[in-house]
Amino acid sequence: MAVGAAASGQEMVTSKKTGSAKNEAGTAAQATGNAATELAGWKMDRLDYPTFRIGLLAKIMDRLTIRQLLEQDELTYAEWRVLARFATMPDGGTAGQVAELAWVDFAEVSRAVTSLVGRGLLERKRNPADRRASIVSLTDAGRVQYRETQKRRSGFHEDLLCDLSADERATLDDLLMRIGTQLKGMLKDSSSS
């Protein structure tokens, strides 16, 4: 399934097995010394920033993730994010905590929690510290669903990073962390004004 085209006319192809994008032109471009094989839309006048390209990558990753989650796990992206975050909270947590950790709107988390509770993947318990905010945790079925989905999602991300060395992965992560920190600050500044 093609998800984009290279400027040289070669296609970006998505593997049906893993859902990962592989550039078939990569080896040929390196062999011919053409290291500047570009993806269509990768550069744009007046928006020639790596952060613009992060947005392009995020959109493709979201599209593939949404499709894979629905087809393989019958989960929406919001449900997966919520299930995955609660999986890291052995004693459970609140929807507000998950919204903050996942960088998403509380209403989105609340809707996903309601859906997952209805499907028997999450359970709500009374919060003795705050009656307005239930403690939410995974059920046994939720833990099974999380483990199965997490294996597939890890495979997806490993496929995306397979051409990067450990040092390159660490550098990429560091750079993304710095951009993320800047974004969080901008978000905080915009909400306080």
Protein backbone atom coordinates (compact mmCIF):
# COMPACT_ATOMS: atom_id res chain seq x y z
CA MET A 1 0.00 0.00 0.00
CA ALA A 2 1.66 3.28 -1.05
CA VAL A 3 1.59 6.16 1.41
CA GLY A 4 3.74 8.68 -0.43
CA ALA A 5 6.01 9.13 -3.40
CA ALA A 6 9.62 10.12 -3.64
CA ALA A 7 10.60 13.04 -5.80
CA SER A 8 12.52 10.62 -8.01
CA GLY A 9 9.26 8.84 -8.85
CA GLN A 10 9.95 5.90 -6.53
CA GLU A 11 7.29 4.93 -3.98
CA MET A 12 7.29 4.75 -0.21
CA VAL A 13 5.76 1.35 0.50
CA THR A 14 4.06 0.21 3.68
CA SER A 15 4.59 -3.40 4.66
CA LYS A 16 1.24 -5.14 5.20
CA LYS A 17 2.79 -7.41 7.86
CA THR A 18 4.21 -4.72 10.13
CA GLY A 19 2.74 -1.50 8.77
CA SER A 20 6.20 0.02 8.49
CA ALA A 21 7.28 2.40 5.76
CA LYS A 22 10.34 1.36 3.79
CA ASN A 23 11.93 3.42 1.03
CA GLU A 24 12.66 1.05 -1.83
CA ALA A 25 14.77 3.75 -3.47
CA GLY A 26 17.13 3.98 -0.46
CA THR A 27 19.73 1.42 -1.55
CA ALA A 28 19.65 2.50 -5.18
CA ALA A 29 20.02 6.17 -4.24
CA GLN A 30 23.05 5.44 -2.06
CA ALA A 31 24.61 3.27 -4.77
CA THR A 32 24.33 6.03 -7.34
CA GLY A 33 25.58 8.65 -4.92
CA ASN A 34 22.24 10.42 -4.91
CA ALA A 35 21.95 10.99 -1.17
CA ALA A 36 19.31 13.70 -1.65
CA THR A 37 16.32 11.48 -2.53
CA GLU A 38 13.39 13.55 -1.28
CA LEU A 39 9.87 12.64 -0.35
CA ALA A 40 7.08 14.59 -2.02
CA GLY A 41 6.04 17.46 0.26
CA TRP A 42 9.09 17.05 2.52
CA LYS A 43 10.29 20.58 1.86
CA MET A 44 8.01 23.55 1.47
CA ASP A 45 8.85 27.16 0.74
CA ARG A 46 8.82 29.29 3.87
CA LEU A 47 8.22 26.20 6.05
CA ASP A 48 11.61 24.55 5.61
CA TYR A 49 11.97 23.50 9.24
CA PRO A 50 12.61 20.09 10.78
CA THR A 51 9.66 20.77 13.08
CA PHE A 52 7.40 21.11 10.02
CA ARG A 53 8.65 17.69 8.90
CA ILE A 54 7.98 16.24 12.36
CA GLY A 55 4.35 17.23 11.78
CA LEU A 56 4.32 15.42 8.42
CA LEU A 57 5.76 12.29 10.00
CA ALA A 58 3.32 12.48 12.90
CA LYS A 59 0.36 12.66 10.51
CA ILE A 60 1.49 9.55 8.62
CA MET A 61 2.23 7.70 11.85
CA ASP A 62 -1.19 8.67 13.20
CA ARG A 63 -2.92 7.52 10.03
CA LEU A 64 -1.15 4.15 10.06
CA THR A 65 -1.66 3.72 13.80
CA ILE A 66 -5.37 4.53 13.62
CA ARG A 67 -5.85 2.03 10.80
CA GLN A 68 -3.81 -0.72 12.48
CA LEU A 69 -5.45 -0.29 15.88
CA LEU A 70 -8.93 -0.53 14.38
CA GLU A 71 -8.11 -3.49 12.13
CA GLN A 72 -5.99 -5.51 14.55
CA ASP A 73 -7.31 -4.55 17.99
CA GLU A 74 -10.69 -2.87 17.49
CA LEU A 75 -9.40 0.13 19.46
CA THR A 76 -9.47 3.80 18.62
CA TYR A 77 -6.22 5.73 18.96
CA ALA A 78 -7.61 7.53 22.02
CA GLU A 79 -8.57 4.20 23.62
CA TRP A 80 -5.08 2.82 23.00
CA ARG A 81 -3.39 5.88 24.50
CA VAL A 82 -5.57 5.63 27.60
CA LEU A 83 -5.15 1.85 27.96
CA ALA A 84 -1.36 2.16 27.56
CA ARG A 85 -1.09 4.95 30.14
CA PHE A 86 -3.20 3.13 32.72
CA ALA A 87 -1.05 0.02 32.11
CA THR A 88 1.89 1.96 33.58
CA MET A 89 -0.09 2.68 36.77
CA PRO A 90 -0.22 -0.55 38.79
CA ASP A 91 -2.39 1.05 41.49
CA GLY A 92 -4.57 2.84 38.95
CA GLY A 93 -4.90 6.55 38.36
CA THR A 94 -7.33 9.26 37.35
CA ALA A 95 -8.41 10.42 33.92
CA GLY A 96 -6.82 13.78 34.72
CA GLN A 97 -3.44 12.14 35.35
CA VAL A 98 -3.65 10.30 32.03
CA ALA A 99 -4.64 13.48 30.17
CA GLU A 100 -1.55 15.21 31.54
CA LEU A 101 0.80 12.29 30.78
CA ALA A 102 -0.57 11.72 27.26
CA TRP A 103 -0.69 15.46 26.40
CA VAL A 104 -4.35 15.22 25.39
CA ASP A 105 -7.61 16.85 26.36
CA PHE A 106 -9.37 15.58 29.50
CA ALA A 107 -12.65 15.12 27.57
CA GLU A 108 -10.94 12.77 25.10
CA VAL A 109 -9.57 10.67 27.97
CA SER A 110 -12.94 10.64 29.72
CA ARG A 111 -14.73 9.37 26.58
CA ALA A 112 -12.08 6.67 26.05
CA VAL A 113 -12.33 5.58 29.72
CA THR A 114 -16.11 5.28 29.43
CA SER A 115 -15.77 3.18 26.27
CA LEU A 116 -13.06 0.93 27.75
CA VAL A 117 -15.03 0.43 30.98
CA GLY A 118 -18.02 -0.57 28.83
CA ARG A 119 -15.86 -3.11 27.01
CA GLY A 120 -14.55 -4.57 30.27
CA LEU A 121 -10.93 -3.44 29.70
CA LEU A 122 -10.88 -0.82 32.48
CA GLU A 123 -12.66 -0.57 35.81
CA ARG A 124 -13.54 2.42 37.95
CA LYS A 125 -13.21 2.45 41.72
CA ARG A 126 -14.16 5.06 44.23
CA ASN A 127 -11.35 7.49 45.02
CA PRO A 128 -11.19 8.02 48.81
CA ALA A 129 -9.12 11.20 48.32
CA ASP A 130 -11.48 12.82 45.77
CA ARG A 131 -15.02 11.59 45.15
CA ARG A 132 -15.17 13.57 41.87
CA ALA A 133 -12.30 11.63 40.25
CA SER A 134 -12.56 7.84 40.13
CA ILE A 135 -9.50 5.62 40.30
CA VAL A 136 -9.28 3.74 37.02
CA SER A 137 -7.24 0.60 36.41
CA LEU A 138 -6.92 -2.24 33.91
CA THR A 139 -9.00 -5.36 34.32
CA ASP A 140 -7.49 -8.78 33.59
CA ALA A 141 -8.94 -8.54 30.07
CA GLY A 142 -7.45 -5.06 29.77
CA ARG A 143 -3.99 -6.34 30.71
CA VAL A 144 -4.25 -9.08 28.05
CA GLN A 145 -5.38 -6.54 25.45
CA TYR A 146 -2.58 -4.16 26.44
CA ARG A 147 0.14 -6.84 26.14
CA GLU A 148 -1.09 -7.99 22.72
CA THR A 149 -1.43 -4.47 21.33
CA GLN A 150 1.82 -3.31 22.89
CA LYS A 151 3.77 -6.06 21.07
CA ARG A 152 2.40 -4.86 17.73
CA ARG A 153 2.99 -1.18 18.54
CA SER A 154 6.58 -1.92 19.62
CA GLY A 155 7.14 -3.74 16.32
CA PHE A 156 5.79 -0.73 14.43
CA HIS A 157 8.18 1.66 16.20
CA GLU A 158 11.15 -0.71 15.91
CA ASP A 159 10.52 -0.93 12.15
CA LEU A 160 10.53 2.87 11.90
CA LEU A 161 13.87 3.07 13.71
CA CYS A 162 15.57 -0.02 12.28
CA ASP A 163 18.07 1.99 10.19
CA LEU A 164 19.24 4.09 13.16
CA SER A 165 22.11 3.08 15.44
CA ALA A 166 21.72 3.19 19.21
CA ASP A 167 23.62 6.50 19.27
CA GLU A 168 21.39 7.96 16.55
CA ARG A 169 18.28 6.86 18.44
CA ALA A 170 19.58 8.51 21.61
CA THR A 171 20.41 11.72 19.72
CA LEU A 172 16.98 11.76 18.06
CA ASP A 173 15.29 11.19 21.41
CA ASP A 174 17.31 14.00 23.01
CA LEU A 175 16.44 16.43 20.20
CA LEU A 176 12.75 15.51 20.34
CA MET A 177 12.78 15.95 24.14
CA ARG A 178 14.18 19.46 23.74
CA ILE A 179 11.52 20.33 21.16
CA GLY A 180 8.83 18.76 23.37
CA THR A 181 9.98 20.81 26.35
CA GLN A 182 9.77 23.97 24.25
CA LEU A 183 6.28 23.01 23.06
CA LYS A 184 5.03 22.29 26.58
CA GLY A 185 6.29 25.72 27.65
CA MET A 186 4.54 27.37 24.71
CA LEU A 187 1.32 25.51 25.53
CA LYS A 188 1.52 26.56 29.18
CA ASP A 189 2.18 30.20 28.19
CA SER A 190 -0.75 30.23 25.75
CA SER A 191 -3.19 28.76 28.29
CA SER A 192 -2.19 31.27 30.99
CA SER A 193 -2.74 34.29 28.75
